[in-house]
Amino acid sequence: MNMESEVSSFSATDQPELALVEMRRGLERKLRRLADAVPPPDMGGLLGETKSSTELLTGLKECGVLSKNLAASVHGVLKLATPAAHGIRVSPADAARTIDLGDSVVEILDQLISVATPFSISEPAAGVAEPTAESRPADQG
């Protein structure tokens, strides 16, 4: 389990809440970048600037940009990081598990973004495994 995140400069050990908030913000930015590659609303696409993360996630899944499993993983990370954004204490272990999953999700989103051009989305590069249910942290309610 990594205690440092590629997306967060804060340590899950020393500052778990800040690490989760920063990781969540990075994940949301990735979703917006990916949504920017989808056709505009008048062409049946997404408008990334005015949608919430949940709306973007739903739209990207419905457009076929994200698989059901990847969308579920993104949703899980966002949900698990939300309490930290509202000042609720998070254990370093829970933060580290969530950040590990978040880093895996960000890696896949980065691959999608790297091959996406405006109005053209491709699948992740071959050999990239999506996060599985076993790798997701337990739901904290």
Protein backbone atom coordinates (compact mmCIF):
# COMPACT_ATOMS: atom_id res chain seq x y z
CA MET A 1 0.00 0.00 0.00
CA ASN A 2 1.47 3.35 -1.07
CA MET A 3 1.46 6.06 1.54
CA GLU A 4 2.20 8.72 -1.10
CA SER A 5 -0.02 9.48 -4.07
CA GLU A 6 0.83 10.46 -7.61
CA VAL A 7 -2.09 12.91 -7.45
CA SER A 8 -1.64 14.18 -3.90
CA SER A 9 1.46 15.83 -2.47
CA PHE A 10 0.21 15.27 1.10
CA SER A 11 1.06 12.12 3.03
CA ALA A 12 -1.79 9.75 3.86
CA THR A 13 0.11 8.97 7.05
CA ASP A 14 0.66 12.53 8.29
CA GLN A 15 -2.29 14.39 6.71
CA PRO A 16 -4.87 11.84 5.56
CA GLU A 17 -7.71 14.34 5.10
CA LEU A 18 -5.63 16.75 3.03
CA ALA A 19 -4.24 13.88 0.96
CA LEU A 20 -7.76 12.67 0.17
CA VAL A 21 -9.07 16.13 -0.68
CA GLU A 22 -6.17 16.80 -3.03
CA MET A 23 -6.52 13.35 -4.62
CA ARG A 24 -10.26 13.94 -5.13
CA ARG A 25 -9.62 17.32 -6.78
CA GLY A 26 -7.09 15.71 -9.11
CA LEU A 27 -9.56 12.98 -10.03
CA GLU A 28 -12.27 15.55 -10.73
CA ARG A 29 -9.89 17.49 -13.00
CA LYS A 30 -9.18 14.29 -14.94
CA LEU A 31 -12.92 13.67 -15.41
CA ARG A 32 -13.33 17.20 -16.77
CA ARG A 33 -10.41 16.78 -19.18
CA LEU A 34 -11.91 13.53 -20.42
CA ALA A 35 -15.35 15.14 -20.76
CA ASP A 36 -13.78 17.92 -22.84
CA ALA A 37 -13.02 15.31 -25.53
CA VAL A 38 -16.70 14.33 -25.83
CA PRO A 39 -18.88 16.21 -28.35
CA PRO A 40 -20.72 19.29 -27.08
CA PRO A 41 -24.31 18.93 -25.80
CA ASP A 42 -25.89 19.95 -29.11
CA MET A 43 -24.12 16.92 -30.60
CA GLY A 44 -25.23 14.64 -27.77
CA GLY A 45 -22.08 15.12 -25.69
CA LEU A 46 -21.07 16.56 -22.36
CA LEU A 47 -20.35 20.08 -21.21
CA GLY A 48 -17.60 19.56 -18.64
CA GLU A 49 -17.51 23.04 -17.12
CA THR A 50 -21.07 23.13 -15.81
CA LYS A 51 -21.57 19.60 -14.55
CA SER A 52 -20.89 18.10 -11.14
CA SER A 53 -18.44 15.21 -10.87
CA THR A 54 -21.35 12.80 -10.49
CA GLU A 55 -23.06 14.18 -13.60
CA LEU A 56 -19.81 13.94 -15.57
CA LEU A 57 -19.24 10.40 -14.36
CA THR A 58 -22.77 9.36 -15.34
CA GLY A 59 -22.44 11.05 -18.71
CA LEU A 60 -19.06 9.48 -19.46
CA LYS A 61 -20.46 6.06 -18.57
CA GLU A 62 -23.61 6.56 -20.64
CA CYS A 63 -21.53 7.74 -23.63
CA GLY A 64 -19.46 4.55 -23.40
CA VAL A 65 -16.28 6.42 -22.50
CA LEU A 66 -15.99 4.70 -19.10
CA SER A 67 -16.84 1.07 -18.45
CA LYS A 68 -19.28 0.21 -15.69
CA ASN A 69 -16.43 -1.10 -13.51
CA LEU A 70 -14.24 1.95 -14.01
CA ALA A 71 -17.16 4.31 -13.36
CA ALA A 72 -17.96 2.37 -10.16
CA SER A 73 -14.33 2.68 -9.05
CA VAL A 74 -14.28 6.43 -9.72
CA HIS A 75 -17.58 6.85 -7.87
CA GLY A 76 -16.22 4.82 -4.94
CA VAL A 77 -13.10 6.96 -4.65
CA LEU A 78 -15.11 10.19 -4.83
CA LYS A 79 -17.54 8.90 -2.20
CA LEU A 80 -14.79 7.75 0.16
CA ALA A 81 -12.92 11.05 -0.16
CA THR A 82 -15.98 13.22 0.47
CA PRO A 83 -15.98 13.03 4.31
CA ALA A 84 -12.42 14.38 4.36
CA ALA A 85 -13.53 17.34 2.25
CA HIS A 86 -16.10 18.13 4.95
CA GLY A 87 -13.63 18.00 7.83
CA ILE A 88 -14.42 14.49 9.06
CA ARG A 89 -11.41 12.61 10.40
CA VAL A 90 -10.15 9.75 8.26
CA SER A 91 -7.70 7.14 9.46
CA PRO A 92 -4.33 7.00 7.71
CA ALA A 93 -5.03 3.38 6.70
CA ASP A 94 -8.40 4.25 5.11
CA ALA A 95 -6.84 7.24 3.37
CA ALA A 96 -3.99 5.12 2.02
CA ARG A 97 -6.38 2.45 0.64
CA THR A 98 -8.54 5.09 -1.00
CA ILE A 99 -5.52 6.88 -2.45
CA ASP A 100 -4.14 3.59 -3.80
CA LEU A 101 -7.40 3.01 -5.65
CA GLY A 102 -7.52 6.67 -6.71
CA ASP A 103 -4.02 6.42 -8.17
CA SER A 104 -5.04 3.32 -10.15
CA VAL A 105 -8.12 5.10 -11.47
CA VAL A 106 -6.12 8.23 -12.36
CA GLU A 107 -3.60 6.10 -14.27
CA ILE A 108 -6.42 4.65 -16.40
CA LEU A 109 -8.01 8.07 -16.91
CA ASP A 110 -4.62 9.46 -17.96
CA GLN A 111 -4.37 6.72 -20.59
CA LEU A 112 -7.85 7.53 -21.87
CA ILE A 113 -7.00 11.23 -21.98
CA SER A 114 -3.70 10.58 -23.78
CA VAL A 115 -5.43 8.81 -26.66
CA ALA A 116 -8.50 11.04 -26.72
CA THR A 117 -8.82 13.81 -29.22
CA PRO A 118 -11.76 16.17 -29.31
CA PHE A 119 -14.86 14.17 -30.16
CA SER A 120 -12.93 10.89 -30.31
CA ILE A 121 -12.47 8.65 -27.29
CA SER A 122 -10.58 5.35 -27.35
CA GLU A 123 -10.34 2.43 -24.96
CA PRO A 124 -7.47 2.28 -22.42
CA ALA A 125 -4.21 0.91 -23.73
CA ALA A 126 -4.04 -2.87 -24.01
CA GLY A 127 -2.88 -4.63 -20.88
CA VAL A 128 -4.13 -1.99 -18.45
CA ALA A 129 -6.24 -3.63 -15.80
CA GLU A 130 -9.22 -1.77 -14.42
CA PRO A 131 -9.61 -1.66 -10.64
CA THR A 132 -11.60 -4.61 -9.37
CA ALA A 133 -14.08 -4.95 -6.53
CA GLU A 134 -11.35 -6.66 -4.52
CA SER A 135 -9.07 -3.61 -4.85
CA ARG A 136 -11.75 -1.14 -3.75
CA PRO A 137 -11.77 0.00 -0.13
CA ALA A 138 -14.66 -1.13 2.01
CA ASP A 139 -17.59 1.33 1.88
CA GLN A 140 -17.49 3.59 4.90
CA GLY A 141 -21.22 4.20 4.83
